[in-house]
PDB file of N, CA and C in Angstrom:
ATOM      1  N   UNK A   1     118.657 108.806 104.599  1.00  0.00           N
ATOM      2  CA  UNK A   1     118.601 109.810 103.919  1.00  0.00           C
ATOM      3  C   UNK A   1     116.723 110.894 104.673  1.00  0.00           C
ATOM      4  N   UNK A   2     115.561 110.193 105.604  1.00  0.00           N
ATOM      5  CA  UNK A   2     114.350 110.369 105.323  1.00  0.00           C
ATOM      6  C   UNK A   2     115.395 111.002 106.801  1.00  0.00           C
ATOM      7  N   UNK A   3     115.422 111.012 107.826  1.00  0.00           N
ATOM      8  CA  UNK A   3     116.200 111.731 108.459  1.00  0.00           C
ATOM      9  C   UNK A   3     116.701 113.459 107.887  1.00  0.00           C
ATOM     10  N   UNK A   4     117.629 112.835 107.235  1.00  0.00           N
ATOM     11  CA  UNK A   4     117.900 114.110 107.135  1.00  0.00           C
ATOM     12  C   UNK A   4     116.970 114.691 106.584  1.00  0.00           C
ATOM     13  N   UNK A   5     116.624 114.521 106.261  1.00  0.00           N
ATOM     14  CA  UNK A   5     114.801 115.087 104.921  1.00  0.00           C
ATOM     15  C   UNK A   5     113.925 115.887 105.747  1.00  0.00           C
ATOM     16  N   UNK A   6     113.893 115.295 106.971  1.00  0.00           N
ATOM     17  CA  UNK A   6     112.789 115.693 108.453  1.00  0.00           C
ATOM     18  C   UNK A   6     113.523 117.149 108.657  1.00  0.00           C
ATOM     19  N   UNK A   7     115.030 117.103 109.005  1.00  0.00           N
ATOM     20  CA  UNK A   7     115.483 117.463 109.713  1.00  0.00           C
ATOM     21  C   UNK A   7     115.489 118.885 108.969  1.00  0.00           C
ATOM     22  N   UNK A   8     116.072 118.571 108.075  1.00  0.00           N
ATOM     23  CA  UNK A   8     115.993 119.770 106.933  1.00  0.00           C
ATOM     24  C   UNK A   8     114.643 121.000 106.577  1.00  0.00           C
ATOM     25  N   UNK A   9     113.928 120.017 106.075  1.00  0.00           N
ATOM     26  CA  UNK A   9     112.513 120.900 106.675  1.00  0.00           C
ATOM     27  C   UNK A   9     111.613 121.647 108.000  1.00  0.00           C
ATOM     28  N   UNK A  10     112.518 121.003 109.438  1.00  0.00           N
ATOM     29  CA  UNK A  10     111.499 121.373 110.252  1.00  0.00           C
ATOM     30  C   UNK A  10     112.595 123.093 110.472  1.00  0.00           C
ATOM     31  N   UNK A  11     114.022 122.729 109.660  1.00  0.00           N
ATOM     32  CA  UNK A  11     114.637 123.849 109.931  1.00  0.00           C
ATOM     33  C   UNK A  11     114.427 124.756 109.122  1.00  0.00           C
ATOM     34  N   UNK A  12     114.107 124.459 107.878  1.00  0.00           N
ATOM     35  CA  UNK A  12     113.434 125.530 106.775  1.00  0.00           C
ATOM     36  C   UNK A  12     111.823 125.905 106.770  1.00  0.00           C
ATOM     37  N   UNK A  13     111.468 125.273 107.664  1.00  0.00           N
ATOM     38  CA  UNK A  13     110.259 126.101 107.809  1.00  0.00           C
ATOM     39  C   UNK A  13     109.691 126.980 109.825  1.00  0.00           C
ATOM     40  N   UNK A  14     111.082 126.492 110.504  1.00  0.00           N
ATOM     41  CA  UNK A  14     111.055 127.133 111.411  1.00  0.00           C
ATOM     42  C   UNK A  14     111.823 128.594 111.178  1.00  0.00           C
ATOM     43  N   UNK A  15     112.613 128.727 109.706  1.00  0.00           N
ATOM     44  CA  UNK A  15     113.552 129.430 109.293  1.00  0.00           C
ATOM     45  C   UNK A  15     112.519 131.059 109.341  1.00  0.00           C
ATOM     46  N   UNK A  16     111.599 130.342 108.216  1.00  0.00           N
ATOM     47  CA  UNK A  16     110.068 130.550 107.393  1.00  0.00           C
ATOM     48  C   UNK A  16     109.940 131.552 108.852  1.00  0.00           C
ATOM     49  N   UNK A  17     109.050 130.869 109.500  1.00  0.00           N
ATOM     50  CA  UNK A  17     108.458 131.036 111.265  1.00  0.00           C
ATOM     51  C   UNK A  17     109.119 132.794 111.522  1.00  0.00           C
ATOM     52  N   UNK A  18     110.582 132.284 111.849  1.00  0.00           N
ATOM     53  CA  UNK A  18     111.215 132.851 112.304  1.00  0.00           C
ATOM     54  C   UNK A  18     111.728 134.234 112.191  1.00  0.00           C
ATOM     55  N   UNK A  19     112.601 133.577 110.855  1.00  0.00           N
ATOM     56  CA  UNK A  19     112.142 135.644 109.866  1.00  0.00           C
ATOM     57  C   UNK A  19     111.205 136.135 109.255  1.00  0.00           C
ATOM     58  N   UNK A  20     110.117 135.920 108.820  1.00  0.00           N
ATOM     59  CA  UNK A  20     108.988 135.836 108.286  1.00  0.00           C
ATOM     60  C   UNK A  20     108.285 137.654 109.628  1.00  0.00           C
ATOM     61  N   UNK A  21     108.471 136.972 110.300  1.00  0.00           N
ATOM     62  CA  UNK A  21     108.312 138.186 111.183  1.00  0.00           C
ATOM     63  C   UNK A  21     106.555 138.327 111.528  1.00  0.00           C
ATOM     64  N   UNK A  22     105.955 137.742 110.746  1.00  0.00           N
ATOM     65  CA  UNK A  22     104.491 137.109 110.803  1.00  0.00           C
ATOM     66  C   UNK A  22     103.980 136.013 111.064  1.00  0.00           C
ATOM     67  N   UNK A  23     103.007 135.855 110.731  1.00  0.00           N
ATOM     68  CA  UNK A  23     101.714 134.400 110.966  1.00  0.00           C
ATOM     69  C   UNK A  23     100.231 134.494 109.824  1.00  0.00           C
ATOM     70  N   UNK A  24     100.367 133.823 109.037  1.00  0.00           N
ATOM     71  CA  UNK A  24      99.437 134.119 108.835  1.00  0.00           C
ATOM     72  C   UNK A  24      98.457 133.364 108.723  1.00  0.00           C
ATOM     73  N   UNK A  25      97.550 134.036 109.140  1.00  0.00           N
ATOM     74  CA  UNK A  25      96.153 133.721 109.879  1.00  0.00           C
ATOM     75  C   UNK A  25      95.113 133.386 108.460  1.00  0.00           C
ATOM     76  N   UNK A  26      94.842 132.086 108.770  1.00  0.00           N
ATOM     77  CA  UNK A  26      93.102 132.175 107.633  1.00  0.00           C
ATOM     78  C   UNK A  26      91.976 131.547 108.726  1.00  0.00           C
ATOM     79  N   UNK A  27      91.330 131.493 107.632  1.00  0.00           N
ATOM     80  CA  UNK A  27      90.386 130.893 109.345  1.00  0.00           C
ATOM     81  C   UNK A  27      90.373 130.307 111.158  1.00  0.00           C
ATOM     82  N   UNK A  28      90.836 131.829 111.198  1.00  0.00           N
ATOM     83  CA  UNK A  28      91.685 131.549 112.735  1.00  0.00           C
ATOM     84  C   UNK A  28      92.407 130.384 112.715  1.00  0.00           C
ATOM     85  N   UNK A  29      92.728 129.849 111.846  1.00  0.00           N
ATOM     86  CA  UNK A  29      94.306 128.914 111.554  1.00  0.00           C
ATOM     87  C   UNK A  29      95.658 129.834 111.244  1.00  0.00           C
ATOM     88  N   UNK A  30      96.049 129.574 112.740  1.00  0.00           N
ATOM     89  CA  UNK A  30      97.917 130.098 112.884  1.00  0.00           C
ATOM     90  C   UNK A  30      98.564 128.741 111.544  1.00  0.00           C
ATOM     91  N   UNK A  31      98.805 129.638 111.022  1.00  0.00           N
ATOM     92  CA  UNK A  31     100.287 128.116 109.381  1.00  0.00           C
ATOM     93  C   UNK A  31     101.458 128.222 109.913  1.00  0.00           C
ATOM     94  N   UNK A  32     101.278 127.139 110.621  1.00  0.00           N
ATOM     95  CA  UNK A  32     102.861 126.541 110.968  1.00  0.00           C
ATOM     96  C   UNK A  32     102.983 125.506 110.152  1.00  0.00           C
ATOM     97  N   UNK A  33     104.476 125.784 109.194  1.00  0.00           N
ATOM     98  CA  UNK A  33     104.367 124.318 108.336  1.00  0.00           C
ATOM     99  C   UNK A  33     104.801 122.477 109.469  1.00  0.00           C
ATOM    100  N   UNK A  34     105.495 123.667 110.687  1.00  0.00           N
ATOM    101  CA  UNK A  34     106.189 122.273 111.115  1.00  0.00           C
ATOM    102  C   UNK A  34     104.945 121.347 111.271  1.00  0.00           C
ATOM    103  N   UNK A  35     103.736 121.848 111.998  1.00  0.00           N
ATOM    104  CA  UNK A  35     102.846 120.957 112.714  1.00  0.00           C
ATOM    105  C   UNK A  35     102.114 120.171 111.456  1.00  0.00           C
ATOM    106  N   UNK A  36     103.053 120.053 110.201  1.00  0.00           N
ATOM    107  CA  UNK A  36     102.912 118.817 109.440  1.00  0.00           C
ATOM    108  C   UNK A  36     103.779 117.859 109.379  1.00  0.00           C
ATOM    109  N   UNK A  37     105.014 118.426 110.086  1.00  0.00           N
ATOM    110  CA  UNK A  37     105.979 116.912 110.841  1.00  0.00           C
ATOM    111  C   UNK A  37     105.594 115.585 111.517  1.00  0.00           C
ATOM    112  N   UNK A  38     104.690 115.469 111.309  1.00  0.00           N
ATOM    113  CA  UNK A  38     103.274 114.137 112.000  1.00  0.00           C
ATOM    114  C   UNK A  38     103.411 113.644 110.760  1.00  0.00           C
ATOM    115  N   UNK A  39     103.004 113.953 109.424  1.00  0.00           N
ATOM    116  CA  UNK A  39     103.309 113.651 108.036  1.00  0.00           C
ATOM    117  C   UNK A  39     104.662 113.008 107.511  1.00  0.00           C
ATOM    118  N   UNK A  40     105.647 113.467 107.313  1.00  0.00           N
ATOM    119  CA  UNK A  40     106.645 113.407 106.817  1.00  0.00           C
ATOM    120  C   UNK A  40     107.090 112.127 106.872  1.00  0.00           C
ATOM    121  N   UNK A  41     107.299 110.766 107.322  1.00  0.00           N
ATOM    122  CA  UNK A  41     106.716 110.243 107.155  1.00  0.00           C
ATOM    123  C   UNK A  41     106.365 109.008 106.187  1.00  0.00           C
ATOM    124  N   UNK A  42     104.524 109.047 106.434  1.00  0.00           N
ATOM    125  CA  UNK A  42     103.841 109.184 104.670  1.00  0.00           C
ATOM    126  C   UNK A  42     104.269 109.864 103.722  1.00  0.00           C
ATOM    127  N   UNK A  43     104.764 110.383 104.016  1.00  0.00           N
ATOM    128  CA  UNK A  43     105.165 110.977 102.681  1.00  0.00           C
ATOM    129  C   UNK A  43     106.443 110.769 102.007  1.00  0.00           C
ATOM    130  N   UNK A  44     107.157 111.155 102.671  1.00  0.00           N
ATOM    131  CA  UNK A  44     109.251 110.322 102.233  1.00  0.00           C
ATOM    132  C   UNK A  44     108.349 108.491 102.284  1.00  0.00           C
ATOM    133  N   UNK A  45     107.349 107.497 102.876  1.00  0.00           N
ATOM    134  CA  UNK A  45     107.131 106.728 102.274  1.00  0.00           C
ATOM    135  C   UNK A  45     105.960 106.325 102.098  1.00  0.00           C
ATOM    136  N   UNK A  46     106.406 105.955 101.011  1.00  0.00           N
ATOM    137  CA  UNK A  46     104.248 106.180 100.295  1.00  0.00           C
ATOM    138  C   UNK A  46     103.564 104.384 100.439  1.00  0.00           C
ATOM    139  N   UNK A  47     104.691 103.727 101.205  1.00  0.00           N
ATOM    140  CA  UNK A  47     104.113 102.447 101.358  1.00  0.00           C
ATOM    141  C   UNK A  47     103.066 102.957 102.358  1.00  0.00           C
ATOM    142  N   UNK A  48     103.936 103.778 103.708  1.00  0.00           N
ATOM    143  CA  UNK A  48     103.404 103.793 104.844  1.00  0.00           C
ATOM    144  C   UNK A  48     101.906 104.680 104.928  1.00  0.00           C
ATOM    145  N   UNK A  49     100.492 104.398 105.836  1.00  0.00           N
ATOM    146  CA  UNK A  49      99.745 105.050 105.353  1.00  0.00           C
ATOM    147  C   UNK A  49     100.000 106.347 106.377  1.00  0.00           C
ATOM    148  N   UNK A  50      99.133 107.185 106.402  1.00  0.00           N
ATOM    149  CA  UNK A  50      99.255 108.797 107.379  1.00  0.00           C
ATOM    150  C   UNK A  50      98.798 108.217 109.356  1.00  0.00           C
ATOM    151  N   UNK A  51      99.406 108.589 109.901  1.00  0.00           N
ATOM    152  CA  UNK A  51      98.974 108.602 110.907  1.00  0.00           C
ATOM    153  C   UNK A  51      97.620 108.779 111.488  1.00  0.00           C
ATOM    154  N   UNK A  52      96.766 109.390 112.355  1.00  0.00           N
ATOM    155  CA  UNK A  52      95.711 109.309 113.019  1.00  0.00           C
ATOM    156  C   UNK A  52      96.493 110.623 113.560  1.00  0.00           C
ATOM    157  N   UNK A  53      97.476 111.418 113.545  1.00  0.00           N
ATOM    158  CA  UNK A  53      98.551 112.838 113.891  1.00  0.00           C
ATOM    159  C   UNK A  53      98.016 112.876 113.076  1.00  0.00           C
ATOM    160  N   UNK A  54      99.221 112.796 111.613  1.00  0.00           N
ATOM    161  CA  UNK A  54      99.233 113.332 109.980  1.00  0.00           C
ATOM    162  C   UNK A  54      97.501 114.040 110.045  1.00  0.00           C
ATOM    163  N   UNK A  55      96.179 112.959 109.599  1.00  0.00           N
ATOM    164  CA  UNK A  55      95.220 113.773 109.166  1.00  0.00           C
ATOM    165  C   UNK A  55      95.230 114.183 110.211  1.00  0.00           C
ATOM    166  N   UNK A  56      95.052 114.789 110.845  1.00  0.00           N
ATOM    167  CA  UNK A  56      94.657 115.947 112.393  1.00  0.00           C
ATOM    168  C   UNK A  56      94.821 117.328 112.084  1.00  0.00           C
ATOM    169  N   UNK A  57      95.652 117.545 111.470  1.00  0.00           N
ATOM    170  CA  UNK A  57      97.063 118.456 111.275  1.00  0.00           C
ATOM    171  C   UNK A  57      97.262 118.900 109.659  1.00  0.00           C
ATOM    172  N   UNK A  58      96.868 118.032 109.327  1.00  0.00           N
ATOM    173  CA  UNK A  58      96.856 117.981 107.591  1.00  0.00           C
ATOM    174  C   UNK A  58      94.984 118.481 107.538  1.00  0.00           C
ATOM    175  N   UNK A  59      94.333 118.266 108.089  1.00  0.00           N
ATOM    176  CA  UNK A  59      92.452 119.123 108.176  1.00  0.00           C
ATOM    177  C   UNK A  59      92.938 120.414 109.000  1.00  0.00           C
ATOM    178  N   UNK A  60      93.706 120.502 109.578  1.00  0.00           N
ATOM    179  CA  UNK A  60      94.081 121.631 110.262  1.00  0.00           C
ATOM    180  C   UNK A  60      94.898 122.506 110.056  1.00  0.00           C
ATOM    181  N   UNK A  61      95.487 122.399 109.017  1.00  0.00           N
ATOM    182  CA  UNK A  61      96.405 122.761 108.361  1.00  0.00           C
ATOM    183  C   UNK A  61      95.250 123.628 106.613  1.00  0.00           C
ATOM    184  N   UNK A  62      94.602 122.471 105.964  1.00  0.00           N
ATOM    185  CA  UNK A  62      93.871 122.504 105.305  1.00  0.00           C
ATOM    186  C   UNK A  62      94.063 123.700 104.639  1.00  0.00           C
ATOM    187  N   UNK A  63      93.472 124.932 104.895  1.00  0.00           N
ATOM    188  CA  UNK A  63      93.547 126.331 104.345  1.00  0.00           C
ATOM    189  C   UNK A  63      94.956 127.702 104.659  1.00  0.00           C
ATOM    190  N   UNK A  64      96.206 126.414 104.543  1.00  0.00           N
ATOM    191  CA  UNK A  64      97.042 127.079 104.770  1.00  0.00           C
ATOM    192  C   UNK A  64      97.540 126.460 103.084  1.00  0.00           C
ATOM    193  N   UNK A  65      97.488 125.486 102.681  1.00  0.00           N
ATOM    194  CA  UNK A  65      97.973 125.059 101.657  1.00  0.00           C
ATOM    195  C   UNK A  65      98.494 126.069 100.880  1.00  0.00           C
ATOM    196  N   UNK A  66      97.661 126.056  99.801  1.00  0.00           N
ATOM    197  CA  UNK A  66      97.949 127.331  98.887  1.00  0.00           C
ATOM    198  C   UNK A  66      99.226 128.476  99.760  1.00  0.00           C
ATOM    199  N   UNK A  67      98.806 128.942 101.070  1.00  0.00           N
ATOM    200  CA  UNK A  67     100.417 130.107 100.850  1.00  0.00           C
ATOM    201  C   UNK A  67     101.707 128.807 101.113  1.00  0.00           C
ATOM    202  N   UNK A  68     101.017 127.540 101.449  1.00  0.00           N
ATOM    203  CA  UNK A  68     102.662 126.364 101.239  1.00  0.00           C
ATOM    204  C   UNK A  68     103.127 127.104 100.336  1.00  0.00           C
ATOM    205  N   UNK A  69     102.230 126.417  99.389  1.00  0.00           N
ATOM    206  CA  UNK A  69     102.505 126.241  97.758  1.00  0.00           C
ATOM    207  C   UNK A  69     103.076 127.749  97.345  1.00  0.00           C
ATOM    208  N   UNK A  70     102.113 129.065  97.642  1.00  0.00           N
ATOM    209  CA  UNK A  70     103.455 129.979  96.872  1.00  0.00           C
ATOM    210  C   UNK A  70     104.608 130.371  97.576  1.00  0.00           C
ATOM    211  N   UNK A  71     104.563 129.441  98.506  1.00  0.00           N
ATOM    212  CA  UNK A  71     106.066 129.902  99.402  1.00  0.00           C
ATOM    213  C   UNK A  71     107.090 129.198  98.901  1.00  0.00           C
ATOM    214  N   UNK A  72     108.159 129.881  98.553  1.00  0.00           N
ATOM    215  CA  UNK A  72     109.181 129.597  97.671  1.00  0.00           C
ATOM    216  C   UNK A  72     109.773 128.902  98.147  1.00  0.00           C
ATOM    217  N   UNK A  73     110.209 128.531  99.799  1.00  0.00           N
ATOM    218  CA  UNK A  73     110.768 127.849 100.426  1.00  0.00           C
ATOM    219  C   UNK A  73     110.374 126.598 100.985  1.00  0.00           C
ATOM    220  N   UNK A  74     109.173 126.663 100.464  1.00  0.00           N
ATOM    221  CA  UNK A  74     108.324 125.624 101.023  1.00  0.00           C
ATOM    222  C   UNK A  74     107.519 124.425  99.494  1.00  0.00           C
ATOM    223  N   UNK A  75     107.598 125.286  98.935  1.00  0.00           N
ATOM    224  CA  UNK A  75     106.728 124.798  97.236  1.00  0.00           C
ATOM    225  C   UNK A  75     107.726 123.635  97.595  1.00  0.00           C
ATOM    226  N   UNK A  76     108.705 123.351  96.935  1.00  0.00           N
ATOM    227  CA  UNK A  76     108.864 122.014  96.875  1.00  0.00           C
ATOM    228  C   UNK A  76     108.565 121.079  97.053  1.00  0.00           C
ATOM    229  N   UNK A  77     108.423 120.945  98.412  1.00  0.00           N
ATOM    230  CA  UNK A  77     108.089 119.717 100.138  1.00  0.00           C
ATOM    231  C   UNK A  77     106.407 120.061  99.384  1.00  0.00           C
ATOM    232  N   UNK A  78     105.870 121.031  99.285  1.00  0.00           N
ATOM    233  CA  UNK A  78     104.922 121.063  98.359  1.00  0.00           C
ATOM    234  C   UNK A  78     103.696 120.486  97.813  1.00  0.00           C
ATOM    235  N   UNK A  79     105.321 120.517  96.560  1.00  0.00           N
ATOM    236  CA  UNK A  79     104.978 119.898  95.142  1.00  0.00           C
ATOM    237  C   UNK A  79     105.312 118.014  95.316  1.00  0.00           C
ATOM    238  N   UNK A  80     105.529 117.876  96.384  1.00  0.00           N
ATOM    239  CA  UNK A  80     105.426 116.361  96.395  1.00  0.00           C
ATOM    240  C   UNK A  80     104.431 115.425  95.811  1.00  0.00           C
ATOM    241  N   UNK A  81     104.824 114.209  95.015  1.00  0.00           N
ATOM    242  CA  UNK A  81     103.120 113.793  94.591  1.00  0.00           C
ATOM    243  C   UNK A  81     103.057 112.709  95.832  1.00  0.00           C
ATOM    244  N   UNK A  82     103.678 112.795  96.856  1.00  0.00           N
ATOM    245  CA  UNK A  82     102.865 112.448  98.228  1.00  0.00           C
ATOM    246  C   UNK A  82     102.553 112.655  99.000  1.00  0.00           C
ATOM    247  N   UNK A  83     102.244 114.190  98.525  1.00  0.00           N
ATOM    248  CA  UNK A  83     101.266 114.891  99.200  1.00  0.00           C
ATOM    249  C   UNK A  83     100.236 114.560  99.423  1.00  0.00           C
ATOM    250  N   UNK A  84      99.320 115.163  97.834  1.00  0.00           N
ATOM    251  CA  UNK A  84      98.024 114.949  97.554  1.00  0.00           C
ATOM    252  C   UNK A  84      97.782 113.832  97.754  1.00  0.00           C
ATOM    253  N   UNK A  85      98.493 113.033  97.593  1.00  0.00           N
ATOM    254  CA  UNK A  85      97.509 111.622  98.145  1.00  0.00           C
ATOM    255  C   UNK A  85      97.638 111.073  99.314  1.00  0.00           C
ATOM    256  N   UNK A  86      98.631 111.896 100.349  1.00  0.00           N
ATOM    257  CA  UNK A  86      98.701 111.417 101.819  1.00  0.00           C
ATOM    258  C   UNK A  86      97.662 112.521 101.742  1.00  0.00           C
ATOM    259  N   UNK A  87      96.915 113.567 101.654  1.00  0.00           N
ATOM    260  CA  UNK A  87      95.424 114.293 101.586  1.00  0.00           C
ATOM    261  C   UNK A  87      94.652 113.600 101.378  1.00  0.00           C
ATOM    262  N   UNK A  88      94.391 113.441 100.339  1.00  0.00           N
ATOM    263  CA  UNK A  88      93.201 111.974  99.842  1.00  0.00           C
ATOM    264  C   UNK A  88      93.169 111.020 100.948  1.00  0.00           C
ATOM    265  N   UNK A  89      94.120 110.329 100.808  1.00  0.00           N
ATOM    266  CA  UNK A  89      94.243 109.468 102.144  1.00  0.00           C
ATOM    267  C   UNK A  89      93.390 109.558 103.744  1.00  0.00           C
ATOM    268  N   UNK A  90      93.800 111.499 103.387  1.00  0.00           N
ATOM    269  CA  UNK A  90      92.801 111.745 105.454  1.00  0.00           C
ATOM    270  C   UNK A  90      91.183 112.045 104.901  1.00  0.00           C
ATOM    271  N   UNK A  91      91.243 112.358 103.997  1.00  0.00           N
ATOM    272  CA  UNK A  91      90.315 112.804 103.330  1.00  0.00           C
ATOM    273  C   UNK A  91      90.177 114.417 103.056  1.00  0.00           C
ATOM    274  N   UNK A  92      91.443 115.264 102.860  1.00  0.00           N
ATOM    275  CA  UNK A  92      91.195 116.686 102.971  1.00  0.00           C
ATOM    276  C   UNK A  92      92.224 116.253 101.820  1.00  0.00           C
ATOM    277  N   UNK A  93      90.575 117.368 101.131  1.00  0.00           N
ATOM    278  CA  UNK A  93      91.055 118.141  99.688  1.00  0.00           C
ATOM    279  C   UNK A  93      92.831 118.649  99.704  1.00  0.00           C
ATOM    280  N   UNK A  94      93.625 118.562  98.330  1.00  0.00           N
ATOM    281  CA  UNK A  94      94.674 119.500  97.955  1.00  0.00           C
ATOM    282  C   UNK A  94      94.049 120.483  97.230  1.00  0.00           C
ATOM    283  N   UNK A  95      94.188 121.190  97.042  1.00  0.00           N
ATOM    284  CA  UNK A  95      94.122 122.327  95.482  1.00  0.00           C
ATOM    285  C   UNK A  95      94.935 121.592  94.705  1.00  0.00           C
ATOM    286  N   UNK A  96      93.928 122.375  93.036  1.00  0.00           N
ATOM    287  CA  UNK A  96      94.834 121.482  91.969  1.00  0.00           C
ATOM    288  C   UNK A  96      94.770 122.915  91.661  1.00  0.00           C
ATOM    289  N   UNK A  97      94.515 124.240  92.131  1.00  0.00           N
ATOM    290  CA  UNK A  97      95.017 125.614  91.942  1.00  0.00           C
ATOM    291  C   UNK A  97      95.336 126.816  92.645  1.00  0.00           C
ATOM    292  N   UNK A  98      96.247 127.256  92.985  1.00  0.00           N
ATOM    293  CA  UNK A  98      95.618 128.600  93.963  1.00  0.00           C
ATOM    294  C   UNK A  98      95.347 129.253  93.474  1.00  0.00           C
TER     295      UNK A  98
END
Protein backbone atom coordinates (compact mmCIF):
# COMPACT_ATOMS: atom_id res chain seq x y z
CA UNK A 1 0.00 0.00 0.00
CA UNK A 2 2.85 2.37 0.87
CA UNK A 3 4.55 1.67 -2.45
CA UNK A 4 1.31 2.33 -4.33
CA UNK A 5 0.86 5.65 -2.49
CA UNK A 6 4.42 6.64 -3.36
CA UNK A 7 3.94 5.77 -7.01
CA UNK A 8 0.66 7.69 -7.14
CA UNK A 9 2.24 10.72 -5.44
CA UNK A 10 5.14 10.70 -7.91
CA UNK A 11 2.84 10.28 -10.91
CA UNK A 12 0.52 13.08 -9.80
CA UNK A 13 3.40 15.41 -9.02
CA UNK A 14 5.05 14.65 -12.35
CA UNK A 15 1.79 15.26 -14.21
CA UNK A 16 1.33 18.60 -12.45
CA UNK A 17 4.84 19.68 -13.40
CA UNK A 18 4.62 18.45 -16.99
CA UNK A 19 1.13 19.77 -17.76
CA UNK A 20 1.36 23.08 -15.93
CA UNK A 21 3.84 24.42 -18.46
CA UNK A 22 5.43 26.62 -15.85
CA UNK A 23 7.57 26.28 -12.77
CA UNK A 24 6.75 28.19 -9.63
CA UNK A 25 9.66 30.32 -8.47
CA UNK A 26 9.76 31.55 -4.90
CA UNK A 27 12.94 33.00 -3.44
CA UNK A 28 15.03 31.32 -6.16
CA UNK A 29 13.64 27.90 -5.24
CA UNK A 30 12.17 25.75 -7.97
CA UNK A 31 8.96 24.33 -6.54
CA UNK A 32 8.84 20.66 -7.36
CA UNK A 33 6.74 18.35 -5.16
CA UNK A 34 8.75 15.32 -6.35
CA UNK A 35 11.63 16.77 -4.32
CA UNK A 36 9.68 15.80 -1.18
CA UNK A 37 9.73 12.08 -2.01
CA UNK A 38 12.45 11.36 0.62
CA UNK A 39 9.80 12.30 3.22
CA UNK A 40 7.23 9.76 2.12
CA UNK A 41 8.36 7.04 4.55
CA UNK A 42 8.19 9.40 7.55
CA UNK A 43 4.78 10.72 6.46
CA UNK A 44 3.29 7.27 5.84
CA UNK A 45 4.82 5.72 8.99
CA UNK A 46 4.44 8.19 11.87
CA UNK A 47 6.78 6.19 14.11
CA UNK A 48 9.62 6.55 11.58
CA UNK A 49 11.66 9.74 12.02
CA UNK A 50 12.42 11.81 8.92
CA UNK A 51 15.75 11.23 7.26
CA UNK A 52 18.41 13.90 6.82
CA UNK A 53 17.52 13.98 3.11
CA UNK A 54 13.87 14.56 3.98
CA UNK A 55 14.70 17.44 6.32
CA UNK A 56 16.98 18.99 3.73
CA UNK A 57 14.26 18.86 1.07
CA UNK A 58 11.61 20.22 3.46
CA UNK A 59 13.86 23.20 4.23
CA UNK A 60 14.51 23.72 0.53
CA UNK A 61 10.85 23.44 -0.48
CA UNK A 62 9.32 25.34 2.47
CA UNK A 63 8.65 28.50 0.41
CA UNK A 64 6.51 26.31 -1.86
CA UNK A 65 4.24 24.82 0.83
CA UNK A 66 1.35 27.28 0.33
CA UNK A 67 1.44 26.67 -3.40
CA UNK A 68 1.29 22.93 -2.82
CA UNK A 69 -1.55 23.32 -0.29
CA UNK A 70 -3.55 25.47 -2.72
CA UNK A 71 -2.99 23.07 -5.63
CA UNK A 72 -6.12 20.87 -5.87
CA UNK A 73 -4.03 17.92 -7.00
CA UNK A 74 -1.52 18.12 -4.13
CA UNK A 75 -3.79 19.43 -1.38
CA UNK A 76 -4.84 15.95 -0.23
CA UNK A 77 -1.21 15.02 0.37
CA UNK A 78 -0.24 18.28 2.05
CA UNK A 79 -3.26 18.08 4.38
CA UNK A 80 -2.10 14.74 5.77
CA UNK A 81 -1.80 15.34 9.54
CA UNK A 82 1.66 13.77 9.53
CA UNK A 83 3.13 16.37 7.15
CA UNK A 84 3.25 19.17 9.77
CA UNK A 85 4.63 16.68 12.31
CA UNK A 86 7.45 15.64 10.00
CA UNK A 87 8.18 19.28 9.17
CA UNK A 88 8.27 20.12 12.87
CA UNK A 89 10.65 17.23 13.53
CA UNK A 90 12.97 18.82 10.97
CA UNK A 91 12.64 22.28 12.48
CA UNK A 92 10.73 23.53 9.46
CA UNK A 93 7.67 25.75 9.97
CA UNK A 94 4.49 24.50 8.34
CA UNK A 95 2.07 27.31 7.45
CA UNK A 96 -1.07 27.32 9.61
CA UNK A 97 -2.85 29.34 6.88
CA UNK A 98 -2.06 30.31 3.32
